[in-house]
Amino acid sequence: MSELPFDPAAIRLLAAILGETGLTEIEIAEQDRRIRIKRTPAPLMMSAAAAPAGAVPAIPAAGDAPAALPDDPAKHPGAVLSPMVGVAYLAPEPGAPNFVTVGQAVEAGQTLLLIEAMKTFNQIKAPKAGTVSRILVAAGAPVEFGEPLLILA
Protein backbone atom coordinates (compact mmCIF):
# COMPACT_ATOMS: atom_id res chain seq x y z
CA MET A 1 0.00 0.00 0.00
CA SER A 2 1.40 3.39 -0.94
CA GLU A 3 1.85 6.12 1.60
CA LEU A 4 -0.94 8.70 1.66
CA PRO A 5 0.18 12.30 1.09
CA PHE A 6 -1.93 13.38 4.09
CA ASP A 7 -2.32 11.94 7.56
CA PRO A 8 -5.55 9.87 7.69
CA ALA A 9 -6.18 11.25 11.19
CA ALA A 10 -6.18 14.78 9.75
CA ILE A 11 -8.69 13.74 7.11
CA ARG A 12 -10.93 12.20 9.79
CA LEU A 13 -10.64 15.39 11.86
CA LEU A 14 -11.70 17.53 8.90
CA ALA A 15 -14.60 15.18 8.19
CA ALA A 16 -15.67 15.44 11.85
CA ILE A 17 -15.57 19.25 11.60
CA LEU A 18 -17.90 19.03 8.59
CA GLY A 19 -20.35 16.94 10.58
CA GLU A 20 -20.22 19.14 13.69
CA THR A 21 -20.66 22.42 11.83
CA GLY A 22 -23.08 21.32 9.14
CA LEU A 23 -20.70 22.49 6.42
CA THR A 24 -20.62 20.56 3.17
CA GLU A 25 -17.07 21.41 2.11
CA ILE A 26 -13.76 22.39 3.71
CA GLU A 27 -10.38 22.98 2.04
CA ILE A 28 -6.93 23.57 3.53
CA ALA A 29 -3.63 24.25 1.87
CA GLU A 30 -0.11 24.33 3.24
CA GLN A 31 3.00 24.80 1.15
CA ASP A 32 2.53 22.77 -2.04
CA ARG A 33 -0.13 20.41 -0.60
CA ARG A 34 -3.83 20.92 -0.60
CA ILE A 35 -6.78 18.86 0.58
CA ARG A 36 -10.49 19.36 0.11
CA ILE A 37 -13.10 17.33 1.97
CA LYS A 38 -16.59 17.49 0.53
CA ARG A 39 -19.71 15.70 1.59
CA THR A 40 -23.05 15.54 -0.06
CA PRO A 41 -25.84 16.01 2.43
CA ALA A 42 -28.19 13.07 2.74
CA PRO A 43 -31.27 13.57 0.61
CA LEU A 44 -34.15 14.94 2.62
CA MET A 45 -36.84 12.30 2.68
CA MET A 46 -40.21 13.79 3.48
CA SER A 47 -43.56 12.13 3.41
CA ALA A 48 -46.50 14.01 1.99
CA ALA A 49 -47.68 14.80 5.53
CA ALA A 50 -44.30 15.99 6.81
CA ALA A 51 -44.04 19.46 8.29
CA PRO A 52 -42.18 22.18 6.37
CA ALA A 53 -38.58 22.89 7.36
CA GLY A 54 -38.32 25.05 10.44
CA ALA A 55 -41.79 24.16 11.68
CA VAL A 56 -42.40 22.88 15.14
CA PRO A 57 -45.00 20.28 16.00
CA ALA A 58 -48.39 21.90 16.35
CA ILE A 59 -49.77 21.88 19.86
CA PRO A 60 -53.56 21.76 19.87
CA ALA A 61 -55.35 23.73 22.57
CA ALA A 62 -57.38 21.87 25.15
CA GLY A 63 -60.72 20.79 23.74
CA ASP A 64 -59.65 20.90 20.09
CA ALA A 65 -60.60 17.92 18.00
CA PRO A 66 -57.51 17.10 15.89
CA ALA A 67 -59.60 15.13 13.40
CA ALA A 68 -61.60 18.28 12.58
CA LEU A 69 -58.53 20.23 11.43
CA PRO A 70 -57.53 20.13 7.77
CA ASP A 71 -54.38 18.22 6.83
CA ASP A 72 -52.89 21.38 5.33
CA PRO A 73 -52.70 24.14 7.97
CA ALA A 74 -52.58 26.78 5.20
CA LYS A 75 -56.16 25.83 4.26
CA HIS A 76 -57.49 26.20 7.80
CA PRO A 77 -59.98 29.09 8.00
CA GLY A 78 -58.12 30.53 11.00
CA ALA A 79 -54.63 30.27 9.50
CA VAL A 80 -52.47 33.37 9.72
CA LEU A 81 -50.17 33.24 6.69
CA SER A 82 -46.80 34.91 6.31
CA PRO A 83 -47.06 38.02 4.14
CA MET A 84 -43.33 37.89 3.34
CA VAL A 85 -40.12 35.89 3.34
CA GLY A 86 -38.04 36.37 6.47
CA VAL A 87 -37.22 35.06 9.92
CA ALA A 88 -39.98 34.59 12.50
CA TYR A 89 -39.62 35.80 16.08
CA LEU A 90 -42.21 34.89 18.68
CA ALA A 91 -41.00 37.42 21.28
CA PRO A 92 -40.05 41.11 21.04
CA GLU A 93 -36.49 40.37 22.21
CA PRO A 94 -34.43 37.41 23.43
CA GLY A 95 -35.49 36.30 26.89
CA ALA A 96 -38.80 38.17 26.76
CA PRO A 97 -42.12 36.31 26.92
CA ASN A 98 -43.72 35.40 23.59
CA PHE A 99 -46.32 37.75 22.12
CA VAL A 100 -48.91 34.95 22.29
CA THR A 101 -49.19 31.40 23.59
CA VAL A 102 -51.41 28.47 22.68
CA GLY A 103 -54.83 28.90 24.30
CA GLN A 104 -54.51 32.67 24.62
CA ALA A 105 -57.38 34.88 23.45
CA VAL A 106 -56.29 37.67 21.07
CA GLU A 107 -58.01 40.77 19.73
CA ALA A 108 -58.05 41.84 16.09
CA GLY A 109 -54.92 43.88 15.41
CA GLN A 110 -52.93 42.42 18.31
CA THR A 111 -49.29 41.59 17.50
CA LEU A 112 -48.81 37.83 17.16
CA LEU A 113 -45.15 37.69 16.16
CA LEU A 114 -42.45 39.51 14.20
CA ILE A 115 -40.91 38.69 10.84
CA GLU A 116 -37.50 40.15 10.14
CA ALA A 117 -36.98 40.94 6.48
CA MET A 118 -34.12 43.05 5.17
CA LYS A 119 -33.14 44.09 8.73
CA THR A 120 -36.65 45.40 9.39
CA PHE A 121 -38.90 43.83 12.02
CA ASN A 122 -42.47 43.62 10.73
CA GLN A 123 -45.33 43.07 13.15
CA ILE A 124 -47.72 40.32 12.15
CA LYS A 125 -51.08 41.24 13.63
CA ALA A 126 -54.17 39.15 14.27
CA PRO A 127 -56.57 39.56 11.33
CA LYS A 128 -59.52 38.79 13.65
CA ALA A 129 -60.26 38.12 17.29
CA GLY A 130 -59.94 34.53 18.42
CA THR A 131 -57.94 32.02 20.42
CA VAL A 132 -54.48 30.82 19.42
CA SER A 133 -54.97 27.09 18.87
CA ARG A 134 -51.63 26.24 17.23
CA ILE A 135 -48.27 27.93 16.70
CA LEU A 136 -46.65 26.45 13.61
CA VAL A 137 -43.25 28.18 13.54
CA ALA A 138 -40.29 28.16 15.88
CA ALA A 139 -38.51 31.26 17.11
CA GLY A 140 -35.72 32.16 14.69
CA ALA A 141 -37.06 29.90 11.94
CA PRO A 142 -37.05 31.08 8.33
CA VAL A 143 -40.51 31.49 6.81
CA GLU A 144 -41.72 31.72 3.23
CA PHE A 145 -44.43 33.88 1.70
CA GLY A 146 -47.81 32.23 2.30
CA GLU A 147 -46.50 29.81 4.92
CA PRO A 148 -48.93 29.26 7.82
CA LEU A 149 -47.57 30.82 11.01
CA LEU A 150 -50.31 30.02 13.50
CA ILE A 151 -53.96 29.06 13.73
CA LEU A 152 -56.66 31.20 15.33
CA ALA A 153 -59.86 29.44 16.34
C-alpha atoms as a PDB file:
ATOM      1  CA  MET A   1       0.000   0.000   0.000  1.00  0.00           C
ATOM      2  CA  SER A   2       1.399   3.391  -0.939  1.00  0.00           C
ATOM      3  CA  GLU A   3       1.847   6.122   1.603  1.00  0.00           C
ATOM      4  CA  LEU A   4      -0.936   8.704   1.655  1.00  0.00           C
ATOM      5  CA  PRO A   5       0.178  12.304   1.090  1.00  0.00           C
ATOM      6  CA  PHE A   6      -1.928  13.377   4.095  1.00  0.00           C
ATOM      7  CA  ASP A   7      -2.318  11.936   7.556  1.00  0.00           C
ATOM      8  CA  PRO A   8      -5.551   9.871   7.691  1.00  0.00           C
ATOM      9  CA  ALA A   9      -6.182  11.252  11.189  1.00  0.00           C
ATOM     10  CA  ALA A  10      -6.176  14.784   9.751  1.00  0.00           C
ATOM     11  CA  ILE A  11      -8.695  13.740   7.113  1.00  0.00           C
ATOM     12  CA  ARG A  12     -10.926  12.202   9.794  1.00  0.00           C
ATOM     13  CA  LEU A  13     -10.643  15.387  11.860  1.00  0.00           C
ATOM     14  CA  LEU A  14     -11.696  17.529   8.901  1.00  0.00           C
ATOM     15  CA  ALA A  15     -14.603  15.177   8.191  1.00  0.00           C
ATOM     16  CA  ALA A  16     -15.670  15.437  11.845  1.00  0.00           C
ATOM     17  CA  ILE A  17     -15.572  19.245  11.600  1.00  0.00           C
ATOM     18  CA  LEU A  18     -17.905  19.032   8.586  1.00  0.00           C
ATOM     19  CA  GLY A  19     -20.349  16.941  10.585  1.00  0.00           C
ATOM     20  CA  GLU A  20     -20.218  19.142  13.685  1.00  0.00           C
ATOM     21  CA  THR A  21     -20.660  22.422  11.833  1.00  0.00           C
ATOM     22  CA  GLY A  22     -23.084  21.315   9.136  1.00  0.00           C
ATOM     23  CA  LEU A  23     -20.697  22.491   6.419  1.00  0.00           C
ATOM     24  CA  THR A  24     -20.616  20.563   3.168  1.00  0.00           C
ATOM     25  CA  GLU A  25     -17.067  21.407   2.113  1.00  0.00           C
ATOM     26  CA  ILE A  26     -13.758  22.389   3.707  1.00  0.00           C
ATOM     27  CA  GLU A  27     -10.380  22.978   2.043  1.00  0.00           C
ATOM     28  CA  ILE A  28      -6.934  23.575   3.527  1.00  0.00           C
ATOM     29  CA  ALA A  29      -3.628  24.252   1.869  1.00  0.00           C
ATOM     30  CA  GLU A  30      -0.107  24.327   3.238  1.00  0.00           C
ATOM     31  CA  GLN A  31       2.998  24.796   1.155  1.00  0.00           C
ATOM     32  CA  ASP A  32       2.527  22.765  -2.044  1.00  0.00           C
ATOM     33  CA  ARG A  33      -0.130  20.407  -0.603  1.00  0.00           C
ATOM     34  CA  ARG A  34      -3.831  20.916  -0.597  1.00  0.00           C
ATOM     35  CA  ILE A  35      -6.783  18.861   0.583  1.00  0.00           C
ATOM     36  CA  ARG A  36     -10.488  19.363   0.110  1.00  0.00           C
ATOM     37  CA  ILE A  37     -13.100  17.328   1.969  1.00  0.00           C
ATOM     38  CA  LYS A  38     -16.585  17.493   0.534  1.00  0.00           C
ATOM     39  CA  ARG A  39     -19.713  15.697   1.586  1.00  0.00           C
ATOM     40  CA  THR A  40     -23.052  15.539  -0.064  1.00  0.00           C
ATOM     41  CA  PRO A  41     -25.845  16.013   2.429  1.00  0.00           C
ATOM     42  CA  ALA A  42     -28.186  13.071   2.742  1.00  0.00           C
ATOM     43  CA  PRO A  43     -31.275  13.571   0.609  1.00  0.00           C
ATOM     44  CA  LEU A  44     -34.151  14.943   2.616  1.00  0.00           C
ATOM     45  CA  MET A  45     -36.839  12.298   2.677  1.00  0.00           C
ATOM     46  CA  MET A  46     -40.214  13.791   3.477  1.00  0.00           C
ATOM     47  CA  SER A  47     -43.561  12.128   3.410  1.00  0.00           C
ATOM     48  CA  ALA A  48     -46.504  14.012   1.991  1.00  0.00           C
ATOM     49  CA  ALA A  49     -47.682  14.798   5.529  1.00  0.00           C
ATOM     50  CA  ALA A  50     -44.302  15.990   6.813  1.00  0.00           C
ATOM     51  CA  ALA A  51     -44.043  19.458   8.290  1.00  0.00           C
ATOM     52  CA  PRO A  52     -42.185  22.176   6.370  1.00  0.00           C
ATOM     53  CA  ALA A  53     -38.584  22.892   7.362  1.00  0.00           C
ATOM     54  CA  GLY A  54     -38.315  25.049  10.443  1.00  0.00           C
ATOM     55  CA  ALA A  55     -41.795  24.160  11.676  1.00  0.00           C
ATOM     56  CA  VAL A  56     -42.403  22.876  15.140  1.00  0.00           C
ATOM     57  CA  PRO A  57     -45.000  20.276  15.999  1.00  0.00           C
ATOM     58  CA  ALA A  58     -48.387  21.897  16.347  1.00  0.00           C
ATOM     59  CA  ILE A  59     -49.772  21.882  19.863  1.00  0.00           C
ATOM     60  CA  PRO A  60     -53.560  21.762  19.872  1.00  0.00           C
ATOM     61  CA  ALA A  61     -55.353  23.733  22.566  1.00  0.00           C
ATOM     62  CA  ALA A  62     -57.382  21.872  25.145  1.00  0.00           C
ATOM     63  CA  GLY A  63     -60.719  20.787  23.745  1.00  0.00           C
ATOM     64  CA  ASP A  64     -59.654  20.900  20.090  1.00  0.00           C
ATOM     65  CA  ALA A  65     -60.600  17.918  17.999  1.00  0.00           C
ATOM     66  CA  PRO A  66     -57.506  17.099  15.892  1.00  0.00           C
ATOM     67  CA  ALA A  67     -59.602  15.131  13.397  1.00  0.00           C
ATOM     68  CA  ALA A  68     -61.598  18.277  12.577  1.00  0.00           C
ATOM     69  CA  LEU A  69     -58.532  20.235  11.433  1.00  0.00           C
ATOM     70  CA  PRO A  70     -57.531  20.128   7.765  1.00  0.00           C
ATOM     71  CA  ASP A  71     -54.379  18.220   6.829  1.00  0.00           C
ATOM     72  CA  ASP A  72     -52.892  21.383   5.325  1.00  0.00           C
ATOM     73  CA  PRO A  73     -52.704  24.140   7.972  1.00  0.00           C
ATOM     74  CA  ALA A  74     -52.578  26.777   5.199  1.00  0.00           C
ATOM     75  CA  LYS A  75     -56.155  25.835   4.255  1.00  0.00           C
ATOM     76  CA  HIS A  76     -57.486  26.196   7.804  1.00  0.00           C
ATOM     77  CA  PRO A  77     -59.976  29.087   7.999  1.00  0.00           C
ATOM     78  CA  GLY A  78     -58.116  30.529  11.000  1.00  0.00           C
ATOM     79  CA  ALA A  79     -54.628  30.266   9.501  1.00  0.00           C
ATOM     80  CA  VAL A  80     -52.466  33.372   9.717  1.00  0.00           C
ATOM     81  CA  LEU A  81     -50.171  33.245   6.686  1.00  0.00           C
ATOM     82  CA  SER A  82     -46.800  34.911   6.314  1.00  0.00           C
ATOM     83  CA  PRO A  83     -47.064  38.020   4.142  1.00  0.00           C
ATOM     84  CA  MET A  84     -43.330  37.886   3.345  1.00  0.00           C
ATOM     85  CA  VAL A  85     -40.120  35.888   3.343  1.00  0.00           C
ATOM     86  CA  GLY A  86     -38.039  36.374   6.466  1.00  0.00           C
ATOM     87  CA  VAL A  87     -37.215  35.063   9.922  1.00  0.00           C
ATOM     88  CA  ALA A  88     -39.977  34.590  12.503  1.00  0.00           C
ATOM     89  CA  TYR A  89     -39.615  35.804  16.076  1.00  0.00           C
ATOM     90  CA  LEU A  90     -42.212  34.888  18.680  1.00  0.00           C
ATOM     91  CA  ALA A  91     -41.005  37.420  21.282  1.00  0.00           C
ATOM     92  CA  PRO A  92     -40.053  41.108  21.040  1.00  0.00           C
ATOM     93  CA  GLU A  93     -36.491  40.369  22.209  1.00  0.00           C
ATOM     94  CA  PRO A  94     -34.430  37.410  23.429  1.00  0.00           C
ATOM     95  CA  GLY A  95     -35.486  36.299  26.891  1.00  0.00           C
ATOM     96  CA  ALA A  96     -38.798  38.168  26.763  1.00  0.00           C
ATOM     97  CA  PRO A  97     -42.123  36.314  26.916  1.00  0.00           C
ATOM     98  CA  ASN A  98     -43.724  35.395  23.589  1.00  0.00           C
ATOM     99  CA  PHE A  99     -46.316  37.755  22.124  1.00  0.00           C
ATOM    100  CA  VAL A 100     -48.912  34.954  22.287  1.00  0.00           C
ATOM    101  CA  THR A 101     -49.188  31.395  23.588  1.00  0.00           C
ATOM    102  CA  VAL A 102     -51.414  28.467  22.679  1.00  0.00           C
ATOM    103  CA  GLY A 103     -54.826  28.896  24.298  1.00  0.00           C
ATOM    104  CA  GLN A 104     -54.511  32.671  24.619  1.00  0.00           C
ATOM    105  CA  ALA A 105     -57.378  34.882  23.452  1.00  0.00           C
ATOM    106  CA  VAL A 106     -56.291  37.666  21.074  1.00  0.00           C
ATOM    107  CA  GLU A 107     -58.010  40.770  19.728  1.00  0.00           C
ATOM    108  CA  ALA A 108     -58.055  41.841  16.089  1.00  0.00           C
ATOM    109  CA  GLY A 109     -54.917  43.884  15.411  1.00  0.00           C
ATOM    110  CA  GLN A 110     -52.928  42.419  18.313  1.00  0.00           C
ATOM    111  CA  THR A 111     -49.285  41.591  17.497  1.00  0.00           C
ATOM    112  CA  LEU A 112     -48.814  37.834  17.164  1.00  0.00           C
ATOM    113  CA  LEU A 113     -45.148  37.687  16.159  1.00  0.00           C
ATOM    114  CA  LEU A 114     -42.454  39.506  14.205  1.00  0.00           C
ATOM    115  CA  ILE A 115     -40.913  38.693  10.845  1.00  0.00           C
ATOM    116  CA  GLU A 116     -37.505  40.150  10.143  1.00  0.00           C
ATOM    117  CA  ALA A 117     -36.983  40.937   6.478  1.00  0.00           C
ATOM    118  CA  MET A 118     -34.117  43.048   5.168  1.00  0.00           C
ATOM    119  CA  LYS A 119     -33.139  44.090   8.727  1.00  0.00           C
ATOM    120  CA  THR A 120     -36.648  45.399   9.390  1.00  0.00           C
ATOM    121  CA  PHE A 121     -38.901  43.833  12.015  1.00  0.00           C
ATOM    122  CA  ASN A 122     -42.466  43.616  10.735  1.00  0.00           C
ATOM    123  CA  GLN A 123     -45.332  43.065  13.153  1.00  0.00           C
ATOM    124  CA  ILE A 124     -47.720  40.315  12.154  1.00  0.00           C
ATOM    125  CA  LYS A 125     -51.077  41.239  13.633  1.00  0.00           C
ATOM    126  CA  ALA A 126     -54.172  39.150  14.270  1.00  0.00           C
ATOM    127  CA  PRO A 127     -56.572  39.562  11.332  1.00  0.00           C
ATOM    128  CA  LYS A 128     -59.519  38.791  13.655  1.00  0.00           C
ATOM    129  CA  ALA A 129     -60.259  38.120  17.289  1.00  0.00           C
ATOM    130  CA  GLY A 130     -59.940  34.533  18.417  1.00  0.00           C
ATOM    131  CA  THR A 131     -57.945  32.023  20.418  1.00  0.00           C
ATOM    132  CA  VAL A 132     -54.482  30.817  19.417  1.00  0.00           C
ATOM    133  CA  SER A 133     -54.968  27.086  18.874  1.00  0.00           C
ATOM    134  CA  ARG A 134     -51.635  26.237  17.225  1.00  0.00           C
ATOM    135  CA  ILE A 135     -48.273  27.930  16.697  1.00  0.00           C
ATOM    136  CA  LEU A 136     -46.655  26.453  13.606  1.00  0.00           C
ATOM    137  CA  VAL A 137     -43.252  28.182  13.539  1.00  0.00           C
ATOM    138  CA  ALA A 138     -40.287  28.156  15.878  1.00  0.00           C
ATOM    139  CA  ALA A 139     -38.510  31.261  17.107  1.00  0.00           C
ATOM    140  CA  GLY A 140     -35.718  32.159  14.695  1.00  0.00           C
ATOM    141  CA  ALA A 141     -37.057  29.900  11.944  1.00  0.00           C
ATOM    142  CA  PRO A 142     -37.052  31.077   8.326  1.00  0.00           C
ATOM    143  CA  VAL A 143     -40.512  31.488   6.813  1.00  0.00           C
ATOM    144  CA  GLU A 144     -41.715  31.716   3.231  1.00  0.00           C
ATOM    145  CA  PHE A 145     -44.428  33.877   1.702  1.00  0.00           C
ATOM    146  CA  GLY A 146     -47.813  32.230   2.296  1.00  0.00           C
ATOM    147  CA  GLU A 147     -46.500  29.806   4.924  1.00  0.00           C
ATOM    148  CA  PRO A 148     -48.927  29.263   7.821  1.00  0.00           C
ATOM    149  CA  LEU A 149     -47.574  30.825  11.014  1.00  0.00           C
ATOM    150  CA  LEU A 150     -50.308  30.024  13.498  1.00  0.00           C
ATOM    151  CA  ILE A 151     -53.960  29.055  13.730  1.00  0.00           C
ATOM    152  CA  LEU A 152     -56.662  31.198  15.331  1.00  0.00           C
ATOM    153  CA  ALA A 153     -59.862  29.440  16.340  1.00  0.00           C
END
